[in-house]
Protein backbone atom coordinates (compact mmCIF):
# COMPACT_ATOMS: atom_id res chain seq x y z
CA UNK A 1 0.02 0.12 0.08
CA UNK A 2 1.39 3.57 -1.07
CA UNK A 3 1.72 6.35 1.86
CA UNK A 4 0.71 9.58 0.98
CA UNK A 5 4.00 10.46 -0.23
CA UNK A 6 4.53 7.87 -2.55
CA UNK A 7 6.60 5.66 -0.72
CA UNK A 8 5.21 2.19 0.34
CA UNK A 9 4.32 0.90 3.81
CA UNK A 10 7.30 -1.21 3.95
CA UNK A 11 9.88 1.78 3.19
CA UNK A 12 8.16 3.87 5.99
CA UNK A 13 8.28 0.82 8.43
CA UNK A 14 12.10 0.27 7.72
CA UNK A 15 12.83 4.20 8.12
CA UNK A 16 10.82 3.95 11.28
CA UNK A 17 12.84 1.06 12.52
CA UNK A 18 16.21 2.31 11.85
CA UNK A 19 15.41 5.60 13.33
CA UNK A 20 14.13 4.07 16.70
CA UNK A 21 16.75 1.73 17.15
CA UNK A 22 19.49 4.57 16.33
CA UNK A 23 17.77 6.86 19.02
CA UNK A 24 17.51 4.02 21.62
CA UNK A 25 21.11 2.82 21.60
CA UNK A 26 22.40 6.58 21.39
CA UNK A 27 20.62 6.91 24.68
CA UNK A 28 22.12 3.28 25.71
CA UNK A 29 18.81 1.76 26.58
CA UNK A 30 17.83 -1.56 25.94
CA UNK A 31 14.37 -2.58 24.19
CA UNK A 32 13.44 -3.53 27.49
CA UNK A 33 14.00 -0.04 29.26
CA UNK A 34 12.58 1.66 26.53
CA UNK A 35 9.39 -0.12 26.84
CA UNK A 36 9.03 0.07 30.67
CA UNK A 37 9.97 4.11 30.23
CA UNK A 38 7.66 4.59 27.45
CA UNK A 39 4.76 2.31 28.90
CA UNK A 40 4.70 0.21 25.59
CA UNK A 41 5.41 -3.57 25.56
CA UNK A 42 8.58 -5.05 25.07
CA UNK A 43 7.11 -6.99 21.89
CA UNK A 44 6.04 -3.74 20.18
CA UNK A 45 9.32 -2.15 20.48
CA UNK A 46 10.73 -5.46 18.94
CA UNK A 47 8.43 -5.41 16.24
CA UNK A 48 9.06 -1.79 15.37
CA UNK A 49 12.69 -2.05 15.48
CA UNK A 50 12.31 -5.07 13.10
CA UNK A 51 9.85 -3.19 10.73
CA UNK A 52 7.02 -5.65 11.24
CA UNK A 53 4.59 -2.64 11.90
CA UNK A 54 4.53 0.88 13.14
CA UNK A 55 3.93 2.62 16.30
CA UNK A 56 0.36 4.57 16.26
CA UNK A 57 0.12 8.26 17.55
CA UNK A 58 0.06 7.85 21.13
CA UNK A 59 2.81 5.20 20.95
CA UNK A 60 4.99 7.78 19.27
CA UNK A 61 4.42 10.28 21.80
CA UNK A 62 5.38 7.88 24.48
CA UNK A 63 8.48 7.10 22.80
CA UNK A 64 9.67 10.57 22.04
CA UNK A 65 9.14 11.58 25.61
CA UNK A 66 11.11 8.28 26.81
CA UNK A 67 14.01 9.10 24.29
CA UNK A 68 14.10 12.89 25.10
CA UNK A 69 13.16 13.73 21.45
CA UNK A 70 11.25 17.28 21.02
CA UNK A 71 8.95 18.47 18.44
CA UNK A 72 11.86 19.91 16.43
CA UNK A 73 13.68 16.49 15.60
C-alpha cells in the first residue's frame, strides 16, 4: 500500500525501525528499558525495530518522551 508521500508502507516501516533503534542505542537503552520507560510492551518495541509494524500516534509520543526527542527532531 502506498503512503501519501508515494513511498510504500514497507519503506516507511524500515525508516521508522532504523530511527527508533538509532535513538534507543544513542541513549544506551535496552529494548526492555525503553518499553518500561515509554509504557509500551517490549514486543511492540521489537516489532517496530524489525519493521514488522509501525507505532500509532500515542505510542510515538510516548517513545519520543522516553527518548528525550522534542518536536524539532
